[in-house]
């Protein structure tokens, strides 16, 4: 009887721990995220930068003026992007500078997490992250 009770308590504990593992943060692949901050700076008012992480390993979106695209690798909390390509449209100098900062920051990303306020954060080795909201959240 004691062995059965101990086994029951052990099994309940294991099931409880297993439930916690499923609560790990998840990236929404094939769903767009909207950029709010690039490192230390918020986006220019009314500019629109997006990131979609395709389940096929391709990332793409709007860089504010041009469309961008890159391959990405995801392994647990680690994420990295290949050198991004983009279309070649010209916009106002401030938008072009912001686009360059975004693409440069994206190339330095090494890991991701979800903040306490449910923002996706793409972290470089040093410095502040790119902070994004799920497009469905906004």
N, C-alpha and C. Protein backbone atom coordinates (compact mmCIF):
# COMPACT_ATOMS: atom_id res chain seq x y z
N UNK A 1 0.82 -1.19 0.00
CA UNK A 1 0.00 0.00 0.00
C UNK A 1 0.87 1.26 0.00
N UNK A 2 1.92 1.28 0.86
CA UNK A 2 2.80 2.44 0.90
C UNK A 2 3.52 2.63 -0.42
N UNK A 3 3.91 1.53 -1.06
CA UNK A 3 4.60 1.61 -2.34
C UNK A 3 3.68 2.20 -3.41
N UNK A 4 2.40 1.80 -3.39
CA UNK A 4 1.44 2.31 -4.35
C UNK A 4 1.21 3.81 -4.14
N UNK A 5 1.12 4.24 -2.88
CA UNK A 5 0.93 5.66 -2.56
C UNK A 5 2.16 6.46 -3.00
N UNK A 6 3.35 5.94 -2.74
CA UNK A 6 4.58 6.63 -3.14
C UNK A 6 4.65 6.75 -4.66
N UNK A 7 4.30 5.69 -5.38
CA UNK A 7 4.29 5.72 -6.83
C UNK A 7 3.28 6.74 -7.35
N UNK A 8 2.13 6.82 -6.73
CA UNK A 8 1.11 7.78 -7.12
C UNK A 8 1.60 9.21 -6.93
N UNK A 9 2.24 9.50 -5.79
CA UNK A 9 2.78 10.82 -5.51
C UNK A 9 3.88 11.16 -6.52
N UNK A 10 4.76 10.19 -6.79
CA UNK A 10 5.85 10.39 -7.76
C UNK A 10 5.28 10.68 -9.15
N UNK A 11 4.30 9.89 -9.60
CA UNK A 11 3.70 10.07 -10.91
C UNK A 11 3.03 11.43 -11.03
N UNK A 12 2.32 11.85 -9.98
CA UNK A 12 1.68 13.16 -9.99
C UNK A 12 2.72 14.26 -10.10
N UNK A 13 3.83 14.12 -9.39
CA UNK A 13 4.91 15.11 -9.46
C UNK A 13 5.52 15.18 -10.84
N UNK A 14 5.76 14.04 -11.45
CA UNK A 14 6.32 14.01 -12.80
C UNK A 14 5.35 14.65 -13.79
N UNK A 15 4.08 14.33 -13.70
CA UNK A 15 3.10 14.92 -14.60
C UNK A 15 3.03 16.43 -14.41
N UNK A 16 3.16 16.91 -13.18
CA UNK A 16 3.15 18.34 -12.93
C UNK A 16 4.34 19.01 -13.59
N UNK A 17 5.52 18.40 -13.48
CA UNK A 17 6.71 18.96 -14.10
C UNK A 17 6.60 18.95 -15.61
N UNK A 18 6.02 17.90 -16.16
CA UNK A 18 5.84 17.82 -17.60
C UNK A 18 4.93 18.93 -18.07
N UNK A 19 3.90 19.24 -17.33
CA UNK A 19 3.00 20.33 -17.67
C UNK A 19 3.73 21.65 -17.74
N UNK A 20 4.71 21.88 -16.86
CA UNK A 20 5.48 23.12 -16.87
C UNK A 20 6.30 23.25 -18.13
N UNK A 21 6.81 22.14 -18.64
CA UNK A 21 7.64 22.18 -19.83
C UNK A 21 6.85 22.68 -21.04
N UNK A 22 5.56 22.37 -21.09
CA UNK A 22 4.76 22.82 -22.22
C UNK A 22 4.44 24.30 -22.14
N UNK A 23 4.70 24.94 -20.98
CA UNK A 23 4.46 26.36 -20.84
C UNK A 23 5.64 27.19 -21.31
N UNK A 24 6.67 26.56 -21.88
CA UNK A 24 7.84 27.28 -22.39
C UNK A 24 7.39 28.23 -23.49
N UNK A 25 8.05 29.39 -23.61
CA UNK A 25 7.65 30.34 -24.64
C UNK A 25 7.81 29.74 -26.03
N UNK A 26 6.92 30.11 -26.90
CA UNK A 26 6.93 29.60 -28.27
C UNK A 26 6.94 30.75 -29.25
N UNK A 27 7.67 30.59 -30.34
CA UNK A 27 7.62 31.55 -31.44
C UNK A 27 6.45 31.19 -32.34
N UNK A 28 5.73 32.19 -32.79
CA UNK A 28 4.66 31.96 -33.75
C UNK A 28 5.25 32.02 -35.14
N UNK A 29 5.48 30.86 -35.73
CA UNK A 29 6.01 30.83 -37.08
C UNK A 29 4.88 31.06 -38.07
N UNK A 30 5.21 31.68 -39.17
CA UNK A 30 4.26 32.02 -40.23
C UNK A 30 3.24 33.06 -39.80
N UNK A 31 3.50 33.77 -38.70
CA UNK A 31 2.66 34.88 -38.25
C UNK A 31 3.54 36.12 -38.13
N UNK A 32 3.04 37.26 -38.59
CA UNK A 32 3.88 38.46 -38.55
C UNK A 32 4.01 39.05 -37.16
N UNK A 33 5.18 39.63 -36.91
CA UNK A 33 5.45 40.42 -35.71
C UNK A 33 5.73 41.84 -36.17
N UNK A 34 5.31 42.81 -35.39
CA UNK A 34 5.56 44.22 -35.71
C UNK A 34 6.64 44.76 -34.79
N UNK A 35 7.68 45.34 -35.37
CA UNK A 35 8.79 45.90 -34.61
C UNK A 35 8.34 47.17 -33.90
N UNK A 36 8.72 47.29 -32.63
CA UNK A 36 8.43 48.49 -31.85
C UNK A 36 9.71 49.28 -31.55
N UNK A 37 10.79 48.58 -31.20
CA UNK A 37 12.07 49.20 -30.86
C UNK A 37 13.18 48.46 -31.58
N UNK A 38 14.21 49.20 -31.98
CA UNK A 38 15.45 48.61 -32.49
C UNK A 38 16.53 49.03 -31.51
N UNK A 39 16.94 48.11 -30.66
CA UNK A 39 17.95 48.43 -29.65
C UNK A 39 17.49 49.54 -28.72
N UNK A 40 18.21 50.64 -28.72
CA UNK A 40 17.96 51.75 -27.81
C UNK A 40 16.86 52.70 -28.29
N UNK A 41 16.42 52.56 -29.53
CA UNK A 41 15.53 53.57 -30.10
C UNK A 41 14.20 53.00 -30.58
N UNK A 42 13.11 53.74 -30.32
CA UNK A 42 11.81 53.33 -30.88
C UNK A 42 11.78 53.64 -32.37
N UNK A 43 10.78 53.10 -33.04
CA UNK A 43 10.63 53.38 -34.47
C UNK A 43 10.17 54.81 -34.69
N UNK A 44 10.46 55.31 -35.87
CA UNK A 44 9.94 56.60 -36.30
C UNK A 44 8.41 56.49 -36.35
N UNK A 45 7.73 57.54 -35.91
CA UNK A 45 6.26 57.54 -35.95
C UNK A 45 5.75 57.15 -37.33
N UNK A 46 4.73 56.33 -37.33
CA UNK A 46 4.03 55.89 -38.54
C UNK A 46 4.88 55.05 -39.49
N UNK A 47 6.05 54.60 -39.04
CA UNK A 47 6.80 53.66 -39.88
C UNK A 47 6.36 52.25 -39.52
N UNK A 48 6.55 51.34 -40.41
CA UNK A 48 5.99 49.99 -40.25
C UNK A 48 7.05 48.96 -40.61
N UNK A 49 7.63 48.31 -39.60
CA UNK A 49 8.62 47.25 -39.80
C UNK A 49 8.03 45.94 -39.30
N UNK A 50 8.19 44.89 -40.07
CA UNK A 50 7.64 43.60 -39.67
C UNK A 50 8.65 42.48 -39.84
N UNK A 51 8.41 41.40 -39.10
CA UNK A 51 9.21 40.18 -39.18
C UNK A 51 8.24 39.00 -39.20
N UNK A 52 8.35 38.16 -40.20
CA UNK A 52 7.63 36.89 -40.24
C UNK A 52 8.68 35.79 -40.33
N UNK A 53 8.60 34.83 -39.42
CA UNK A 53 9.52 33.70 -39.39
C UNK A 53 8.80 32.50 -39.99
N UNK A 54 9.10 32.21 -41.23
CA UNK A 54 8.44 31.09 -41.90
C UNK A 54 8.88 29.76 -41.33
N UNK A 55 7.98 28.81 -41.28
CA UNK A 55 8.30 27.47 -40.78
C UNK A 55 9.33 26.79 -41.68
N UNK A 56 9.53 27.32 -42.88
CA UNK A 56 10.49 26.75 -43.84
C UNK A 56 11.90 27.30 -43.67
N UNK A 57 12.14 28.13 -42.63
CA UNK A 57 13.48 28.67 -42.39
C UNK A 57 13.76 29.97 -43.12
N UNK A 58 12.73 30.55 -43.73
CA UNK A 58 12.90 31.83 -44.40
C UNK A 58 12.18 32.91 -43.59
N UNK A 59 12.87 34.02 -43.35
CA UNK A 59 12.30 35.16 -42.66
C UNK A 59 12.12 36.29 -43.67
N UNK A 60 11.10 37.12 -43.45
CA UNK A 60 10.85 38.22 -44.39
C UNK A 60 9.95 39.25 -43.72
N UNK A 61 9.81 40.38 -44.38
CA UNK A 61 8.92 41.40 -43.86
C UNK A 61 9.18 42.74 -44.51
N UNK A 62 8.67 43.78 -43.85
CA UNK A 62 8.88 45.15 -44.28
C UNK A 62 9.97 45.76 -43.40
N UNK A 63 10.93 46.43 -44.03
CA UNK A 63 12.00 47.11 -43.28
C UNK A 63 11.68 48.59 -43.13
N UNK A 64 10.48 49.00 -43.46
CA UNK A 64 10.07 50.38 -43.33
C UNK A 64 9.91 51.04 -44.68
N UNK A 65 10.85 50.81 -45.56
CA UNK A 65 10.78 51.32 -46.93
C UNK A 65 10.76 50.15 -47.91
N UNK A 66 11.68 49.23 -47.73
CA UNK A 66 11.83 48.08 -48.62
C UNK A 66 11.36 46.79 -47.96
N UNK A 67 11.11 45.80 -48.78
CA UNK A 67 10.85 44.45 -48.28
C UNK A 67 12.19 43.78 -48.07
N UNK A 68 12.31 43.00 -46.99
CA UNK A 68 13.56 42.31 -46.71
C UNK A 68 13.29 40.81 -46.63
N UNK A 69 14.37 40.02 -46.72
CA UNK A 69 14.27 38.56 -46.67
C UNK A 69 15.62 38.00 -46.25
N UNK A 70 15.59 36.88 -45.53
CA UNK A 70 16.82 36.21 -45.09
C UNK A 70 16.48 34.81 -44.66
N UNK A 71 17.46 33.95 -44.66
CA UNK A 71 17.30 32.63 -44.06
C UNK A 71 17.54 32.78 -42.56
N UNK A 72 16.94 31.92 -41.77
CA UNK A 72 17.21 31.93 -40.34
C UNK A 72 17.31 30.52 -39.82
N UNK A 73 18.01 30.40 -38.69
CA UNK A 73 18.20 29.11 -38.03
C UNK A 73 17.67 29.24 -36.61
N UNK A 74 16.89 28.27 -36.19
CA UNK A 74 16.27 28.29 -34.87
C UNK A 74 16.56 26.97 -34.17
N UNK A 75 17.14 27.07 -32.97
CA UNK A 75 17.41 25.89 -32.16
C UNK A 75 17.17 26.27 -30.70
N UNK A 76 16.02 25.89 -30.17
CA UNK A 76 15.66 26.28 -28.82
C UNK A 76 15.53 27.79 -28.73
N UNK A 77 16.27 28.39 -27.81
CA UNK A 77 16.24 29.85 -27.62
C UNK A 77 17.27 30.55 -28.51
N UNK A 78 18.05 29.78 -29.26
CA UNK A 78 19.05 30.37 -30.15
C UNK A 78 18.42 30.63 -31.52
N UNK A 79 18.71 31.80 -32.07
CA UNK A 79 18.22 32.14 -33.40
C UNK A 79 19.28 33.00 -34.09
N UNK A 80 19.48 32.77 -35.37
CA UNK A 80 20.42 33.60 -36.13
C UNK A 80 19.85 33.79 -37.53
N UNK A 81 20.23 34.90 -38.13
CA UNK A 81 19.77 35.26 -39.46
C UNK A 81 20.95 35.37 -40.40
N UNK A 82 20.77 34.92 -41.65
CA UNK A 82 21.80 35.14 -42.67
C UNK A 82 21.77 36.62 -43.06
N UNK A 83 22.73 37.03 -43.85
CA UNK A 83 22.75 38.41 -44.34
C UNK A 83 21.45 38.67 -45.10
N UNK A 84 20.72 39.70 -44.70
CA UNK A 84 19.42 40.00 -45.31
C UNK A 84 19.60 40.68 -46.66
N UNK A 85 18.71 40.34 -47.57
CA UNK A 85 18.60 41.03 -48.83
C UNK A 85 17.35 41.90 -48.79
N UNK A 86 17.23 42.82 -49.72
CA UNK A 86 16.04 43.67 -49.74
C UNK A 86 15.82 44.23 -51.13
N UNK A 87 14.61 44.76 -51.33
CA UNK A 87 14.35 45.50 -52.55
C UNK A 87 15.14 46.80 -52.49
N UNK A 88 15.13 47.61 -53.55
CA UNK A 88 16.03 48.76 -53.63
C UNK A 88 15.31 50.10 -53.78
N UNK A 89 14.13 50.22 -53.23
CA UNK A 89 13.40 51.49 -53.31
C UNK A 89 14.06 52.51 -52.39
N UNK A 90 14.03 53.78 -52.76
CA UNK A 90 14.57 54.85 -51.92
C UNK A 90 13.41 55.58 -51.24
N UNK A 91 13.63 55.92 -49.97
CA UNK A 91 12.64 56.66 -49.19
C UNK A 91 13.34 57.83 -48.51
N UNK A 92 12.63 58.51 -47.64
CA UNK A 92 13.20 59.64 -46.90
C UNK A 92 14.46 59.18 -46.17
N UNK A 93 15.46 60.05 -46.03
CA UNK A 93 16.72 59.68 -45.38
C UNK A 93 16.54 59.07 -43.98
N UNK A 94 15.63 59.59 -43.18
CA UNK A 94 15.42 59.05 -41.83
C UNK A 94 14.91 57.62 -41.89
N UNK A 95 14.01 57.31 -42.83
CA UNK A 95 13.52 55.93 -42.98
C UNK A 95 14.63 55.01 -43.47
N UNK A 96 15.47 55.50 -44.37
CA UNK A 96 16.57 54.69 -44.88
C UNK A 96 17.57 54.38 -43.76
N UNK A 97 17.83 55.35 -42.89
CA UNK A 97 18.75 55.13 -41.75
C UNK A 97 18.16 54.11 -40.79
N UNK A 98 16.87 54.22 -40.51
CA UNK A 98 16.21 53.27 -39.62
C UNK A 98 16.24 51.87 -40.22
N UNK A 99 15.99 51.76 -41.52
CA UNK A 99 16.02 50.47 -42.20
C UNK A 99 17.41 49.84 -42.11
N UNK A 100 18.44 50.65 -42.29
CA UNK A 100 19.81 50.16 -42.19
C UNK A 100 20.11 49.68 -40.76
N UNK A 101 19.66 50.43 -39.75
CA UNK A 101 19.86 50.01 -38.35
C UNK A 101 19.16 48.69 -38.08
N UNK A 102 17.94 48.55 -38.60
CA UNK A 102 17.17 47.32 -38.39
C UNK A 102 17.88 46.12 -39.01
N UNK A 103 18.27 46.22 -40.27
CA UNK A 103 18.91 45.09 -40.95
C UNK A 103 20.27 44.77 -40.32
N UNK A 104 20.98 45.77 -39.87
CA UNK A 104 22.25 45.56 -39.19
C UNK A 104 22.01 44.85 -37.85
N UNK A 105 21.02 45.31 -37.09
CA UNK A 105 20.69 44.68 -35.80
C UNK A 105 20.25 43.24 -35.99
N UNK A 106 19.46 42.98 -37.03
CA UNK A 106 18.98 41.63 -37.30
C UNK A 106 20.14 40.67 -37.53
N UNK A 107 21.17 41.13 -38.20
CA UNK A 107 22.32 40.26 -38.49
C UNK A 107 23.12 39.91 -37.25
N UNK A 108 22.91 40.63 -36.14
CA UNK A 108 23.65 40.38 -34.91
C UNK A 108 22.85 39.58 -33.88
N UNK A 109 21.62 39.24 -34.19
CA UNK A 109 20.76 38.51 -33.26
C UNK A 109 21.31 37.12 -33.00
N UNK A 110 21.30 36.72 -31.71
CA UNK A 110 21.80 35.40 -31.32
C UNK A 110 20.77 34.56 -30.56
N UNK A 111 19.84 35.23 -29.89
CA UNK A 111 18.85 34.47 -29.11
C UNK A 111 17.55 35.25 -29.05
N UNK A 112 16.51 34.56 -28.61
CA UNK A 112 15.20 35.20 -28.48
C UNK A 112 14.59 34.84 -27.14
N UNK A 113 13.65 35.66 -26.70
CA UNK A 113 12.81 35.31 -25.56
C UNK A 113 11.51 36.10 -25.65
N UNK A 114 10.60 35.77 -24.76
CA UNK A 114 9.33 36.49 -24.65
C UNK A 114 9.36 37.21 -23.31
N UNK A 115 9.15 38.53 -23.34
CA UNK A 115 9.22 39.34 -22.12
C UNK A 115 7.99 39.10 -21.24
N UNK A 116 8.02 39.70 -20.06
CA UNK A 116 6.90 39.59 -19.11
C UNK A 116 5.62 40.22 -19.67
N UNK A 117 5.76 41.12 -20.66
CA UNK A 117 4.58 41.74 -21.26
C UNK A 117 4.27 41.13 -22.64
N UNK A 118 4.76 39.92 -22.87
CA UNK A 118 4.49 39.14 -24.09
C UNK A 118 5.06 39.76 -25.37
N UNK A 119 6.18 40.46 -25.25
CA UNK A 119 6.88 40.95 -26.44
C UNK A 119 7.95 39.95 -26.83
N UNK A 120 8.08 39.71 -28.13
CA UNK A 120 9.20 38.94 -28.63
C UNK A 120 10.42 39.86 -28.59
N UNK A 121 11.53 39.35 -28.06
CA UNK A 121 12.77 40.11 -28.02
C UNK A 121 13.84 39.30 -28.75
N UNK A 122 14.48 39.94 -29.72
CA UNK A 122 15.58 39.33 -30.46
C UNK A 122 16.86 39.98 -29.98
N UNK A 123 17.68 39.20 -29.27
CA UNK A 123 18.85 39.72 -28.57
C UNK A 123 20.15 39.54 -29.34
N UNK A 124 20.95 40.61 -29.43
CA UNK A 124 22.32 40.49 -29.95
C UNK A 124 23.23 40.01 -28.83
N UNK A 125 24.49 39.73 -29.14
CA UNK A 125 25.45 39.32 -28.10
C UNK A 125 25.62 40.43 -27.07
N UNK A 126 25.59 41.68 -27.51
CA UNK A 126 25.71 42.82 -26.61
C UNK A 126 24.66 43.86 -26.99
N UNK A 127 24.15 44.55 -25.99
CA UNK A 127 23.21 45.64 -26.25
C UNK A 127 21.76 45.24 -26.04
N UNK A 128 20.90 46.14 -26.46
CA UNK A 128 19.45 45.99 -26.29
C UNK A 128 18.85 45.21 -27.46
N UNK A 129 17.70 44.57 -27.22
CA UNK A 129 17.09 43.73 -28.26
C UNK A 129 16.26 44.53 -29.26
N UNK A 130 15.92 43.86 -30.34
CA UNK A 130 14.83 44.30 -31.21
C UNK A 130 13.58 43.81 -30.50
N UNK A 131 12.64 44.70 -30.24
CA UNK A 131 11.41 44.32 -29.53
C UNK A 131 10.23 44.35 -30.49
N UNK A 132 9.43 43.29 -30.47
CA UNK A 132 8.34 43.13 -31.42
C UNK A 132 7.06 42.68 -30.72
N UNK A 133 5.94 43.07 -31.29
CA UNK A 133 4.63 42.60 -30.86
C UNK A 133 4.09 41.65 -31.92
N UNK A 134 3.36 40.66 -31.48
CA UNK A 134 2.64 39.82 -32.44
C UNK A 134 1.64 40.73 -33.15
N UNK A 135 1.55 40.62 -34.46
CA UNK A 135 0.61 41.46 -35.22
C UNK A 135 -0.82 41.20 -34.76
N UNK A 136 -1.09 40.01 -34.26
CA UNK A 136 -2.42 39.69 -33.74
C UNK A 136 -2.70 40.37 -32.42
N UNK A 137 -1.62 40.73 -31.69
CA UNK A 137 -1.74 41.37 -30.38
C UNK A 137 -2.17 42.81 -30.50
N UNK A 138 -1.66 43.48 -31.53
CA UNK A 138 -1.88 44.93 -31.67
C UNK A 138 -3.28 45.27 -32.01
